[in-house]
Amino acid sequence: MPDPERSERRLRPAPLLFDPSEAVADPEHFFDLESLDDPAELLARATELTLAFRAAADRAVEFQALAAAQLADPRRFDRLTTEDIARRAEWTEDYARKMVEFGRDLLRGEGMGPV
């Protein structure tokens, strides 16, 4: 996984495509948490969501790294440079290099569970 001590720029959140469209129109709506009155239940459910989103974000980063490594593979006739990958992913070139390295480690089986 990329170095946790590196400073990352904030990414804009991806839209949650499975949230009902009428709920998306309501800025107060978030996975029905606003409807919970019991603070203990609210804390438990919000914690569940936080952990699920963290796990999903970690998994998405692994897939980004896999894609970056595959795109940078010198055996590909349409190989991309780290500069090209950085531009496409809105990363710095240094971060793109680290992600390519991380992806290569994953492709060798050094850090990811079954895909």
Protein backbone atom coordinates (compact mmCIF):
# COMPACT_ATOMS: atom_id res chain seq x y z
CA MET A 1 0.00 0.00 0.00
CA PRO A 2 1.25 3.54 -0.60
CA ASP A 3 3.19 5.18 2.22
CA PRO A 4 0.59 6.29 4.80
CA GLU A 5 2.81 9.21 5.83
CA ARG A 6 2.70 10.80 2.40
CA SER A 7 0.59 13.87 2.09
CA GLU A 8 -2.37 13.38 -0.22
CA ARG A 9 -4.38 16.11 -1.79
CA ARG A 10 -8.06 15.89 -0.99
CA LEU A 11 -10.09 14.13 -3.63
CA ARG A 12 -13.60 15.16 -4.49
CA PRO A 13 -16.07 12.46 -3.43
CA ALA A 14 -17.55 10.18 -6.04
CA PRO A 15 -21.32 10.28 -6.37
CA LEU A 16 -23.09 7.46 -4.58
CA LEU A 17 -24.95 6.00 -7.52
CA PHE A 18 -27.07 3.61 -5.49
CA ASP A 19 -28.63 6.30 -3.30
CA PRO A 20 -32.20 6.96 -4.53
CA SER A 21 -32.35 10.02 -6.77
CA GLU A 22 -34.99 11.72 -4.62
CA ALA A 23 -32.72 11.35 -1.58
CA VAL A 24 -29.75 12.86 -3.43
CA ALA A 25 -31.84 15.99 -3.98
CA ASP A 26 -32.10 16.36 -0.20
CA PRO A 27 -28.68 17.52 1.10
CA GLU A 28 -29.57 16.30 4.60
CA HIS A 29 -30.07 12.72 3.41
CA PHE A 30 -27.22 10.30 3.97
CA PHE A 31 -28.01 6.59 4.07
CA ASP A 32 -31.05 7.34 6.20
CA LEU A 33 -28.88 8.36 9.17
CA GLU A 34 -30.89 11.56 9.57
CA SER A 35 -33.95 9.48 10.47
CA LEU A 36 -32.31 7.81 13.49
CA ASP A 37 -33.35 9.35 16.81
CA ASP A 38 -31.38 7.12 19.19
CA PRO A 39 -27.82 8.49 19.48
CA ALA A 40 -26.43 5.03 20.33
CA GLU A 41 -28.02 3.58 17.19
CA LEU A 42 -26.82 6.57 15.16
CA LEU A 43 -23.25 6.11 16.41
CA ALA A 44 -23.33 2.38 15.66
CA ARG A 45 -24.71 2.83 12.15
CA ALA A 46 -22.43 5.77 11.32
CA THR A 47 -19.45 3.73 12.55
CA GLU A 48 -20.50 0.80 10.34
CA LEU A 49 -20.66 3.13 7.34
CA THR A 50 -17.30 4.71 8.18
CA LEU A 51 -15.60 1.32 8.36
CA ALA A 52 -17.29 0.15 5.15
CA PHE A 53 -16.23 3.29 3.28
CA ARG A 54 -12.66 3.00 4.55
CA ALA A 55 -12.49 -0.62 3.41
CA ALA A 56 -14.00 0.33 0.05
CA ALA A 57 -11.53 3.21 -0.35
CA ASP A 58 -8.58 0.92 0.45
CA ARG A 59 -9.81 -1.62 -2.07
CA ALA A 60 -10.35 1.07 -4.72
CA VAL A 61 -6.76 2.29 -4.21
CA GLU A 62 -5.53 -1.26 -4.82
CA PHE A 63 -7.45 -1.38 -8.09
CA GLN A 64 -6.06 2.04 -9.07
CA ALA A 65 -2.57 0.70 -8.45
CA LEU A 66 -3.25 -2.44 -10.49
CA ALA A 67 -4.53 -0.35 -13.39
CA ALA A 68 -1.57 2.03 -13.18
CA ALA A 69 0.90 -0.87 -13.23
CA GLN A 70 -0.86 -2.46 -16.18
CA LEU A 71 -0.95 0.82 -18.11
CA ALA A 72 2.77 1.38 -17.45
CA ASP A 73 3.78 -2.16 -18.43
CA PRO A 74 6.66 -1.83 -20.92
CA ARG A 75 5.38 -4.91 -22.79
CA ARG A 76 2.26 -3.02 -23.86
CA PHE A 77 2.42 -1.40 -27.26
CA ASP A 78 0.17 1.38 -25.93
CA ARG A 79 2.10 1.78 -22.66
CA LEU A 80 1.61 5.06 -20.80
CA THR A 81 4.28 7.07 -19.04
CA THR A 82 3.88 7.91 -15.36
CA GLU A 83 3.27 11.48 -16.50
CA ASP A 84 0.34 10.30 -18.65
CA ILE A 85 -1.03 8.16 -15.82
CA ALA A 86 -0.71 11.05 -13.38
CA ARG A 87 -2.60 13.35 -15.71
CA ARG A 88 -5.43 10.83 -16.22
CA ALA A 89 -5.79 10.07 -12.51
CA GLU A 90 -5.22 13.68 -11.38
CA TRP A 91 -2.16 12.63 -9.36
CA THR A 92 1.34 14.04 -9.12
CA GLU A 93 3.90 12.22 -11.22
CA ASP A 94 5.71 11.09 -8.07
CA TYR A 95 2.49 9.57 -6.69
CA ALA A 96 1.86 7.87 -10.05
CA ARG A 97 5.32 6.26 -9.85
CA LYS A 98 4.56 4.99 -6.34
CA MET A 99 1.20 3.63 -7.46
CA VAL A 100 2.81 1.84 -10.42
CA GLU A 101 5.31 0.24 -8.01
CA PHE A 102 2.53 -0.70 -5.61
CA GLY A 103 0.51 -2.17 -8.47
CA ARG A 104 3.47 -4.24 -9.62
CA ASP A 105 3.82 -5.60 -6.09
CA LEU A 106 0.13 -6.50 -6.11
CA LEU A 107 0.44 -8.19 -9.49
CA ARG A 108 3.27 -10.31 -8.08
CA GLY A 109 0.94 -11.29 -5.24
CA GLU A 110 2.60 -9.19 -2.56
CA GLY A 111 -0.27 -7.53 -0.77
CA MET A 112 -3.73 -8.10 -2.14
CA GLY A 113 -6.34 -10.71 -1.53
CA PRO A 114 -8.31 -12.35 -4.33
CA VAL A 115 -9.62 -9.94 -6.92
